[in-house]
Protein backbone atom coordinates (compact mmCIF):
# COMPACT_ATOMS: atom_id res chain seq x y z
CA MET A 1 28.56 12.67 6.78
CA PRO A 2 24.74 13.13 7.53
CA SER A 3 23.56 15.03 10.66
CA SER A 4 22.08 13.10 14.16
CA PRO A 5 18.80 13.44 12.96
CA ALA A 6 19.17 12.27 9.28
CA LEU A 7 20.74 8.97 10.94
CA ILE A 8 17.95 8.41 13.11
CA PHE A 9 15.22 8.95 10.49
CA MET A 10 17.19 6.89 8.05
CA VAL A 11 17.54 3.86 10.44
CA ILE A 12 13.86 4.17 11.67
CA PHE A 13 12.88 4.28 7.89
CA PHE A 14 15.24 0.96 7.18
CA LEU A 15 13.97 -0.99 10.09
CA GLU A 16 10.27 -0.35 9.15
CA SER A 17 10.89 -1.37 5.89
CA LEU A 18 12.55 -4.55 6.64
CA ALA A 19 9.56 -5.14 9.08
CA ALA A 20 7.16 -4.32 6.38
CA MET A 21 9.00 -6.66 4.25
CA LEU A 22 8.97 -9.54 6.97
CA GLN A 23 5.23 -9.12 7.06
CA ASN A 24 4.57 -9.16 3.41
CA GLY A 25 6.68 -12.07 2.77
CA PHE A 26 4.74 -14.04 5.55
CA MET A 27 1.64 -13.36 3.96
CA VAL A 28 2.80 -14.35 0.64
CA THR A 29 4.35 -17.79 2.08
CA VAL A 30 1.32 -18.79 4.35
CA LEU A 31 -0.82 -17.84 1.16
CA GLY A 32 1.48 -19.06 -1.61
CA MET A 33 1.44 -22.61 0.18
CA GLU A 34 -2.19 -22.71 0.52
CA TRP A 35 -2.69 -21.86 -3.09
CA VAL A 36 0.06 -24.51 -4.20
CA ARG A 37 -1.61 -27.20 -1.85
CA ARG A 38 -5.41 -26.31 -2.58
CA ARG A 39 -4.57 -25.31 -6.30
CA MET A 40 -7.08 -22.30 -5.52
CA LEU A 41 -7.78 -19.79 -3.26
CA PRO A 42 -10.33 -17.77 -2.05
CA ALA A 43 -11.12 -14.24 -4.01
CA GLY A 44 -10.17 -12.27 -1.19
CA ASP A 45 -7.21 -13.91 -0.41
CA MET A 46 -5.98 -13.73 -3.81
CA ILE A 47 -5.82 -9.99 -3.60
CA VAL A 48 -4.41 -9.94 -0.23
CA ALA A 49 -1.45 -12.27 -1.55
CA SER A 50 -0.79 -10.15 -4.58
CA LEU A 51 -0.98 -6.91 -3.04
CA ALA A 52 1.46 -8.44 -0.23
CA ALA A 53 4.03 -9.38 -3.07
CA SER A 54 3.80 -6.02 -4.69
CA ARG A 55 3.89 -4.30 -1.31
CA PHE A 56 7.08 -6.43 -0.35
CA CYS A 57 8.72 -5.42 -4.10
CA LEU A 58 7.60 -1.68 -3.24
CA HIS A 59 9.85 -1.76 0.34
CA GLY A 60 12.66 -3.28 -1.34
CA VAL A 61 12.85 -1.00 -4.11
CA ALA A 62 12.45 1.79 -2.07
CA ILE A 63 15.25 0.82 0.16
CA LEU A 64 17.47 0.33 -2.84
CA ASN A 65 16.32 3.90 -4.27
CA ASN A 66 17.41 5.37 -0.78
CA LEU A 67 20.56 4.02 -0.68
CA LEU A 68 21.52 4.88 -4.07
CA THR A 69 20.53 8.56 -3.35
CA PHE A 70 22.45 8.23 -0.16
CA PHE A 71 25.50 7.57 -2.13
CA GLU A 72 24.51 9.91 -4.51
CA MET A 73 24.37 7.54 -7.36
CA ASP A 74 21.73 7.23 -10.37
CA TYR A 75 18.70 5.35 -10.31
CA TYR A 76 15.96 4.27 -12.43
CA GLN A 77 12.42 5.41 -11.45
CA THR A 78 10.45 3.12 -13.72
CA PRO A 79 10.41 -0.07 -11.37
CA TRP A 80 9.36 2.25 -8.48
CA ASN A 81 6.48 3.73 -10.26
CA PHE A 82 5.46 0.12 -11.95
CA ILE A 83 5.15 -1.29 -8.57
CA ASN A 84 3.58 1.90 -6.84
CA THR A 85 1.22 1.96 -9.67
CA LEU A 86 0.22 -1.86 -9.12
CA THR A 87 -0.14 -1.16 -5.37
CA SER A 88 -2.28 1.61 -5.47
CA TRP A 89 -5.09 -0.55 -8.12
CA LEU A 90 -4.96 -3.71 -5.77
CA THR A 91 -5.27 -1.54 -2.60
CA ALA A 92 -8.62 -0.55 -4.55
CA TRP A 93 -9.76 -3.78 -5.29
CA LEU A 94 -9.20 -4.89 -2.44
CA ALA A 95 -11.46 -2.06 -0.67
CA ILE A 96 -13.75 -2.42 -3.16
CA PHE A 97 -14.17 -6.29 -2.71
CA TYR A 98 -14.78 -5.85 1.08
CA CYS A 99 -17.30 -3.16 0.37
CA VAL A 100 -19.04 -5.53 -2.00
CA LYS A 101 -18.89 -8.67 0.03
CA ILE A 102 -19.34 -6.92 3.76
CA ALA A 103 -21.84 -3.90 3.06
CA LEU A 104 -25.57 -4.65 3.24
CA PHE A 105 -27.47 -2.41 0.60
CA SER A 106 -30.34 -3.13 -1.12
CA HIS A 107 -29.77 -1.90 -4.68
CA PRO A 108 -29.60 -4.19 -7.75
CA VAL A 109 -26.33 -3.00 -8.80
CA PHE A 110 -24.86 -3.87 -5.39
CA PHE A 111 -26.51 -7.50 -5.39
CA TRP A 112 -25.16 -7.76 -9.15
CA LEU A 113 -21.34 -7.02 -7.91
CA LYS A 114 -21.84 -8.86 -5.09
CA TRP A 115 -22.58 -11.91 -7.58
CA ARG A 116 -20.08 -11.15 -9.83
CA ILE A 117 -16.97 -9.70 -7.81
CA SER A 118 -15.55 -13.14 -6.71
CA ARG A 119 -14.98 -14.71 -10.40
CA SER A 120 -14.02 -11.20 -11.36
CA VAL A 121 -10.82 -11.07 -9.24
CA PRO A 122 -8.42 -12.89 -11.73
CA ARG A 123 -9.32 -10.42 -14.26
CA LEU A 124 -8.84 -7.66 -11.95
CA LEU A 125 -5.49 -8.80 -11.09
CA LEU A 126 -4.41 -9.06 -14.68
CA GLY A 127 -5.99 -5.59 -15.12
CA SER A 128 -3.95 -4.26 -12.55
CA LEU A 129 -0.84 -5.19 -14.26
CA VAL A 130 -2.14 -3.93 -17.66
CA LEU A 131 -2.75 -0.36 -16.20
CA ALA A 132 0.39 -0.28 -14.18
CA GLY A 133 2.20 -1.48 -17.51
CA LEU A 134 0.52 1.31 -19.70
CA THR A 135 1.10 3.91 -16.67
CA VAL A 136 4.77 3.19 -16.60
CA ILE A 137 5.12 3.46 -20.58
CA SER A 138 3.40 6.85 -21.06
CA SER A 139 5.68 8.24 -17.74
CA ALA A 140 8.76 6.92 -19.09
CA ILE A 141 8.21 8.96 -22.68
CA GLY A 142 7.16 11.75 -20.85
CA THR A 143 10.46 11.74 -18.64
CA ARG A 144 12.60 10.72 -21.58
CA ILE A 145 11.09 14.10 -23.45
CA PHE A 146 11.58 16.12 -20.12
CA MET A 147 15.17 14.90 -19.59
CA GLN A 148 16.10 15.66 -23.25
CA MET A 149 14.45 19.20 -23.01
CA ILE A 150 16.74 19.89 -19.92
CA ALA A 151 19.91 18.65 -21.79
CA SER A 152 18.96 21.08 -24.44
CA GLN A 153 18.50 23.88 -21.84
CA SER A 154 21.74 23.42 -20.48
CA SER A 155 23.51 23.42 -23.03
CA GLN A 156 22.15 26.23 -24.90
CA GLY A 157 20.91 28.70 -21.95
CA ASN A 158 17.91 29.63 -23.35
CA SER A 159 15.36 31.16 -20.77
CA THR A 160 12.59 30.50 -23.40
CA LEU A 161 13.53 26.48 -23.69
CA ALA A 162 13.62 26.71 -19.35
CA ASP A 163 10.09 28.03 -19.45
CA THR A 164 9.01 25.65 -21.84
CA VAL A 165 10.57 22.91 -19.33
CA GLN A 166 8.90 24.51 -16.82
CA SER A 167 5.11 24.45 -18.70
CA PHE A 168 5.81 20.52 -19.94
CA TYR A 169 6.13 19.43 -16.15
CA TRP A 170 3.44 21.19 -15.22
CA CYS A 171 1.50 20.69 -18.08
CA PHE A 172 2.24 16.77 -18.64
CA THR A 173 4.18 15.14 -15.61
CA VAL A 174 2.14 17.11 -12.83
CA PRO A 175 -1.59 15.81 -14.63
CA HIS A 176 -0.31 12.41 -15.52
CA THR A 177 1.15 11.52 -12.14
CA MET A 178 -2.08 13.18 -10.20
CA LEU A 179 -4.35 11.08 -12.39
CA THR A 180 -2.47 7.91 -11.92
CA LEU A 181 -2.65 8.04 -8.31
CA SER A 182 -5.83 9.64 -7.71
CA ILE A 183 -7.75 7.28 -9.56
CA PRO A 184 -7.39 4.18 -7.67
CA PHE A 185 -7.31 6.53 -4.21
CA LEU A 186 -10.79 7.33 -5.09
CA LEU A 187 -11.95 3.85 -5.72
CA PHE A 188 -10.60 2.84 -2.34
CA LEU A 189 -12.23 6.14 -0.70
CA VAL A 190 -15.62 5.65 -2.03
CA SER A 191 -15.31 1.90 -0.86
CA THR A 192 -14.28 2.15 2.20
CA PHE A 193 -17.06 5.35 3.30
CA PHE A 194 -19.47 3.04 2.05
CA LEU A 195 -18.23 -0.20 4.13
CA MET A 196 -18.12 2.49 6.97
CA PHE A 197 -21.40 3.64 6.48
CA SER A 198 -22.98 0.02 6.36
CA LEU A 199 -21.31 -1.15 9.26
CA CYS A 200 -22.29 1.65 11.78
CA GLN A 201 -25.73 1.27 10.18
CA HIS A 202 -25.60 -2.14 11.14
CA LEU A 203 -24.17 -1.49 14.77
CA ARG A 204 -26.88 0.90 15.27
CA ARG A 205 -29.56 -1.24 14.29
CA MET A 206 -28.10 -3.83 16.65
CA ARG A 207 -28.02 -1.46 19.82
CA ASP A 208 -31.42 -0.58 18.83
CA HIS A 209 -32.23 -4.34 19.83
CA ARG A 210 -30.27 -3.72 23.24
CA LEU A 211 -27.51 -5.97 22.62
CA SER A 212 -24.81 -5.56 25.47
CA PRO A 213 -21.82 -3.52 24.13
CA CYS A 214 -20.04 -7.02 25.20
CA ASP A 215 -21.88 -9.07 22.52
CA PRO A 216 -19.22 -10.73 20.29
CA SER A 217 -21.17 -9.55 17.11
CA ILE A 218 -21.01 -5.93 18.38
CA GLN A 219 -17.49 -6.38 19.15
CA ALA A 220 -16.59 -7.44 15.72
CA HIS A 221 -18.49 -4.90 14.09
CA THR A 222 -16.35 -2.21 16.38
CA ARG A 223 -13.23 -3.87 15.58
CA ALA A 224 -13.71 -3.91 12.08
CA LEU A 225 -14.74 0.14 12.37
CA LYS A 226 -11.60 0.81 13.79
CA SER A 227 -9.40 -1.36 11.35
CA LEU A 228 -11.23 0.65 9.05
CA VAL A 229 -10.50 4.14 10.47
CA PHE A 230 -6.85 3.30 10.73
CA PHE A 231 -6.62 1.76 7.32
CA LEU A 232 -8.21 5.28 5.83
CA VAL A 233 -5.54 7.21 7.77
CA PHE A 234 -2.57 5.44 6.89
CA TYR A 235 -3.42 5.11 3.25
CA THR A 236 -4.48 8.77 3.11
CA SER A 237 -1.34 10.04 4.63
CA TYR A 238 0.92 7.85 2.19
CA PHE A 239 -1.38 9.16 -0.91
CA LEU A 240 -0.74 12.84 0.35
CA SER A 241 2.84 12.62 0.70
CA LEU A 242 3.14 11.60 -2.96
CA ILE A 243 0.83 14.50 -3.96
CA VAL A 244 3.19 16.71 -1.91
CA VAL A 245 6.23 15.49 -3.46
CA VAL A 246 5.02 15.71 -7.04
CA MET A 247 3.53 18.93 -6.59
CA LYS A 248 6.69 20.18 -5.14
CA ILE A 249 5.09 22.16 -2.29
CA THR A 250 8.13 21.66 0.00
CA ILE A 251 12.03 21.19 -0.29
CA PHE A 252 13.10 18.99 2.28
CA GLN A 253 16.73 19.34 3.88
CA SER A 254 18.79 16.17 4.58
CA HIS A 255 17.27 15.13 7.76
CA TRP A 256 13.65 15.93 6.84
CA TYR A 257 14.03 13.91 3.57
CA TRP A 258 14.62 10.90 5.74
CA ALA A 259 11.73 11.77 8.05
CA TRP A 260 9.34 12.17 5.18
CA GLU A 261 10.22 9.08 3.94
CA MET A 262 9.62 7.35 7.22
CA VAL A 263 6.12 8.93 7.75
CA THR A 264 5.37 8.15 3.69
CA TYR A 265 5.92 4.18 4.41
CA ALA A 266 4.93 4.05 7.72
CA GLY A 267 1.41 4.37 6.45
CA ILE A 268 1.50 1.11 4.35
CA CYS A 269 3.68 -0.81 6.78
CA LEU A 270 0.97 -0.44 9.60
CA HIS A 271 -1.62 -1.23 7.16
CA SER A 272 0.08 -4.82 6.50
CA SER A 273 0.05 -5.21 10.04
CA ILE A 274 -3.58 -4.53 9.87
CA LEU A 275 -3.86 -7.39 7.31
CA VAL A 276 -2.13 -9.60 9.23
CA VAL A 277 -4.10 -9.24 12.16
CA SER A 278 -7.36 -8.96 11.17
CA SER A 279 -7.03 -12.16 8.87
CA PRO A 280 -8.04 -15.27 11.46
CA LYS A 281 -5.92 -17.79 8.99
CA LEU A 282 -2.93 -15.81 8.91
CA ARG A 283 -3.14 -14.92 12.95
CA LYS A 284 -3.36 -18.44 13.56
CA VAL A 285 -0.52 -19.41 11.69
CA LEU A 286 1.27 -16.28 13.42
CA LYS A 287 0.55 -17.61 16.77
CA THR A 288 1.35 -21.29 16.16
CA ARG A 289 4.77 -20.22 14.53
CA LEU A 290 5.59 -17.71 17.41
CA TRP A 291 5.13 -20.80 20.10
CA LYS A 292 7.09 -23.05 18.15
CA ALA A 293 9.81 -20.69 18.33
CA LEU A 294 9.50 -19.62 21.90
CA ASP A 295 9.17 -23.51 22.91
CA LYS A 296 12.55 -24.27 20.70
CA GLY A 297 13.75 -21.14 22.56
CA TRP A 298 13.07 -22.64 25.99
CA SER A 299 14.50 -26.07 25.01
CA VAL A 300 17.48 -24.59 23.74
CA SER A 301 17.85 -22.70 26.93
CA SER A 302 17.35 -25.60 29.18
CA TYR A 303 19.54 -27.72 27.29
CA GLN A 304 22.37 -25.38 27.89
CA TYR A 305 21.83 -25.13 31.63
CA GLN A 306 21.73 -28.84 32.09
């Protein structure tokens, strides 16, 4: 039976995961229905819809894996690796897309990217699937070799083979995982910093023209900067938490394991909330549905009291 802290962290983890699945399911439903109705979708919304679907699956697999871990049952890491890699690349493409579309730079390469990025989105989404598939295949091969080495070492009790197992983990598994996680994260990081730098410059120029802080344009830029800062902090915390696990920097006890899971997935859960709030389209649909639900609730309550 887990301790009280472990139960508290476990409940929080499952609640935030379910909340994230509801948010991402909402985004997939709204954007998917628009995609079906109009037979087309803006490039940015295509990335957001794909990212929301990927994160919905990521949280679902995380819940399943942690339930199997809680009941001390075996589970396969391959589905989680595939979805997590896909999510990382989609997050990177979303940051690059926003940077290219919103940032104001005068370099010719930047203008070329601004002209090409929208029509390149379908190929980027397909490329993300291919990259995630290739990553998982190479990871599965490495894991298979690693498990066979462990089985041989357990049966023979050979200390030399144990050293070989450790060397294989640190020379193949760790570099492979670090490379897989770091490349999309660095793309995300560079794009986000470029966009923040451009917004700060534009905001400074607007203030130099002595516009009021209550000016709608300044408020919009300020909100965008705040969202980017939160986005950066949340996604960086998720990336660093994965690095800590891969590098085996610390070993968690039962209750700290659930606390770590809670913190790890809180970042992408909160970023999904930012995506919903920052999108006028999603925000409008959410408000409409909430008002309809409240109106229906008031109608039912009034009918019961009559």
